Amino acid sequence: MNARELIPVMKFQENGSYCETRCKAFQCDLTKDDIMQQVAKESVDYASLIFVLSAILPEKMVSVLQNIHEV
């Protein structure tokens, strides 16, 4: 299952536990997308980046971390 398939599954779980006011699942390219188009500045308490940071090229790491830090 890829990321595009996972998001609808998370949003429309049969048990109805997905609540976008508390959790927002989306995909983006942290090396070039502006994450603040999806998430308001300083609105995030936790970011789950499982297997994400290890896939970022070293020369892109600072900009990716700054992008995440903004939210």
Protein backbone atom coordinates (compact mmCIF):
# COMPACT_ATOMS: atom_id res chain seq x y z
CA MET A 1 0.00 0.00 0.00
CA ASN A 2 1.49 3.36 -0.96
CA ALA A 3 0.90 6.74 0.72
CA ARG A 4 -1.87 7.75 -1.68
CA GLU A 5 -3.79 4.59 -0.80
CA LEU A 6 -3.16 4.92 2.94
CA ILE A 7 -4.67 8.38 3.46
CA PRO A 8 -8.23 7.47 2.37
CA VAL A 9 -8.03 4.34 4.50
CA MET A 10 -7.10 6.41 7.54
CA LYS A 11 -9.82 9.00 6.92
CA PHE A 12 -12.67 6.61 6.34
CA GLN A 13 -12.08 3.83 8.80
CA GLU A 14 -15.16 1.78 9.47
CA ASN A 15 -14.91 2.46 13.20
CA GLY A 16 -15.05 6.22 12.56
CA SER A 17 -12.06 6.99 14.78
CA TYR A 18 -10.41 9.35 12.28
CA CYS A 19 -11.06 12.96 13.28
CA GLU A 20 -9.37 15.57 11.09
CA THR A 21 -9.67 18.22 13.80
CA ARG A 22 -7.25 16.14 15.91
CA CYS A 23 -5.19 14.31 13.28
CA LYS A 24 -4.49 15.25 9.68
CA ALA A 25 -3.02 12.64 7.35
CA PHE A 26 -1.57 13.91 4.09
CA GLN A 27 1.38 13.36 1.84
CA CYS A 28 3.93 15.86 0.69
CA ASP A 29 7.51 16.11 -0.48
CA LEU A 30 9.26 17.76 2.46
CA THR A 31 12.23 18.64 0.25
CA LYS A 32 10.18 20.97 -1.95
CA ASP A 33 6.53 21.35 -0.80
CA ASP A 34 5.47 24.10 1.60
CA ILE A 35 4.02 22.12 4.48
CA MET A 36 2.17 25.21 5.74
CA GLN A 37 -0.23 24.85 2.81
CA GLN A 38 -1.54 21.77 4.65
CA VAL A 39 -0.94 22.64 8.29
CA ALA A 40 -1.15 25.97 10.13
CA LYS A 41 2.03 27.44 11.60
CA GLU A 42 2.77 26.27 15.16
CA SER A 43 -0.30 24.00 15.23
CA VAL A 44 1.41 20.62 15.53
CA ASP A 45 2.26 18.89 18.81
CA TYR A 46 3.78 15.74 17.28
CA ALA A 47 4.96 14.75 13.82
CA SER A 48 5.35 11.09 12.92
CA LEU A 49 8.20 10.76 10.44
CA ILE A 50 8.71 7.02 10.42
CA PHE A 51 11.34 6.13 7.81
CA VAL A 52 11.22 9.68 6.44
CA LEU A 53 14.37 11.37 7.67
CA SER A 54 16.59 8.44 6.70
CA ALA A 55 15.44 8.88 3.09
CA ILE A 56 16.34 12.60 2.87
CA LEU A 57 19.52 13.53 1.09
CA PRO A 58 22.04 15.17 3.46
CA GLU A 59 22.07 18.42 1.46
CA LYS A 60 18.27 18.71 1.87
CA MET A 61 18.14 17.84 5.59
CA VAL A 62 18.37 21.40 6.97
CA SER A 63 15.56 22.71 4.76
CA VAL A 64 13.37 19.69 5.58
CA LEU A 65 13.84 20.16 9.33
CA GLN A 66 13.12 23.89 9.01
CA ASN A 67 9.96 23.07 7.05
CA ILE A 68 8.78 20.69 9.79
CA HIS A 69 9.79 23.07 12.57
CA GLU A 70 7.55 25.82 11.15
CA VAL A 71 4.44 23.83 11.98
